[in-house]
Amino acid sequence: MHKDATMTPRHPRWAELLERLEKVERCQRNTDHTQAILESMGEIDVASSLLALRALGGDCDWAILYDSNRNPERAARLTG
């Protein structure tokens, strides 16, 4: 898989993920919407992305949208 397979705030398609998450009308306190979006994006390692996003505080779809990109130092460590 491509070196950018794990989605984090440093990923080139991060803005696309956030844009699509903004359309989620109701958070179910899980990452089901994020998982579906990542799966539809192609060439994304969904499992490692969800683990990385959880490590950044993204325990649910809206936490990923609003909280996970607030720690750039941690994101840098996760993505090398």
Protein backbone atom coordinates (compact mmCIF):
# COMPACT_ATOMS: atom_id res chain seq x y z
CA MET A 1 0.00 0.00 0.00
CA HIS A 2 1.12 3.59 -0.65
CA LYS A 3 3.08 5.43 2.05
CA ASP A 4 0.12 7.80 2.54
CA ALA A 5 -2.26 4.94 3.24
CA THR A 6 -2.94 5.97 6.85
CA MET A 7 -5.29 8.94 7.18
CA THR A 8 -4.12 11.58 9.67
CA PRO A 9 -4.16 15.40 9.62
CA ARG A 10 -0.94 15.26 7.57
CA HIS A 11 -2.50 13.17 4.81
CA PRO A 12 -2.95 14.99 1.46
CA ARG A 13 -6.66 14.08 1.42
CA TRP A 14 -7.38 15.11 5.04
CA ALA A 15 -9.49 18.09 3.93
CA GLU A 16 -11.64 15.77 1.82
CA LEU A 17 -12.30 13.53 4.83
CA LEU A 18 -13.29 16.53 6.97
CA GLU A 19 -15.51 17.95 4.23
CA ARG A 20 -17.36 14.65 3.95
CA LEU A 21 -17.65 14.30 7.74
CA GLU A 22 -19.21 17.77 7.91
CA LYS A 23 -22.19 16.33 6.05
CA VAL A 24 -22.89 13.82 8.84
CA GLU A 25 -26.07 15.04 10.50
CA ARG A 26 -25.99 12.86 13.58
CA CYS A 27 -23.04 11.34 15.40
CA GLN A 28 -23.78 7.85 16.68
CA ARG A 29 -20.82 8.01 19.11
CA ASN A 30 -18.83 5.66 16.90
CA THR A 31 -16.71 5.91 13.76
CA ASP A 32 -19.10 4.19 11.35
CA HIS A 33 -19.37 7.21 9.04
CA THR A 34 -15.61 7.75 9.06
CA GLN A 35 -15.03 4.11 8.26
CA ALA A 36 -17.47 4.21 5.34
CA ILE A 37 -15.88 7.40 3.99
CA LEU A 38 -12.36 5.98 4.26
CA GLU A 39 -13.44 2.77 2.52
CA SER A 40 -14.93 4.77 -0.34
CA MET A 41 -11.79 6.91 -0.78
CA GLY A 42 -9.67 3.97 -1.98
CA GLU A 43 -6.00 3.33 -1.27
CA ILE A 44 -6.53 4.10 2.42
CA ASP A 45 -5.64 1.59 5.12
CA VAL A 46 -8.90 1.91 7.02
CA ALA A 47 -7.88 -0.12 10.08
CA SER A 48 -4.61 1.76 10.66
CA SER A 49 -6.34 5.07 9.95
CA LEU A 50 -9.03 4.45 12.55
CA LEU A 51 -6.36 3.48 15.10
CA ALA A 52 -4.33 6.60 14.33
CA LEU A 53 -7.42 8.84 14.53
CA ARG A 54 -8.42 7.26 17.84
CA ALA A 55 -4.90 7.98 19.17
CA LEU A 56 -5.49 11.63 18.24
CA GLY A 57 -8.75 11.75 20.22
CA GLY A 58 -11.09 10.68 17.42
CA ASP A 59 -13.31 8.28 19.35
CA CYS A 60 -16.33 9.10 17.18
CA ASP A 61 -17.07 10.78 13.86
CA TRP A 62 -17.54 14.25 15.30
CA ALA A 63 -14.47 13.99 17.52
CA ILE A 64 -12.48 13.21 14.38
CA LEU A 65 -14.04 16.22 12.68
CA TYR A 66 -13.62 18.69 15.54
CA ASP A 67 -10.81 17.41 17.79
CA SER A 68 -8.36 15.09 16.07
CA ASN A 69 -6.51 17.75 14.09
CA ARG A 70 -5.73 19.90 17.13
CA ASN A 71 -2.56 18.01 18.01
CA PRO A 72 -0.16 18.38 15.08
CA GLU A 73 2.88 17.19 17.06
CA ARG A 74 1.17 13.90 17.89
CA ALA A 75 0.02 13.52 14.28
CA ALA A 76 3.60 14.04 13.14
CA ARG A 77 4.81 11.25 15.43
CA LEU A 78 2.10 8.90 14.17
CA THR A 79 2.96 9.47 10.54
CA GLY A 80 6.72 9.63 10.86
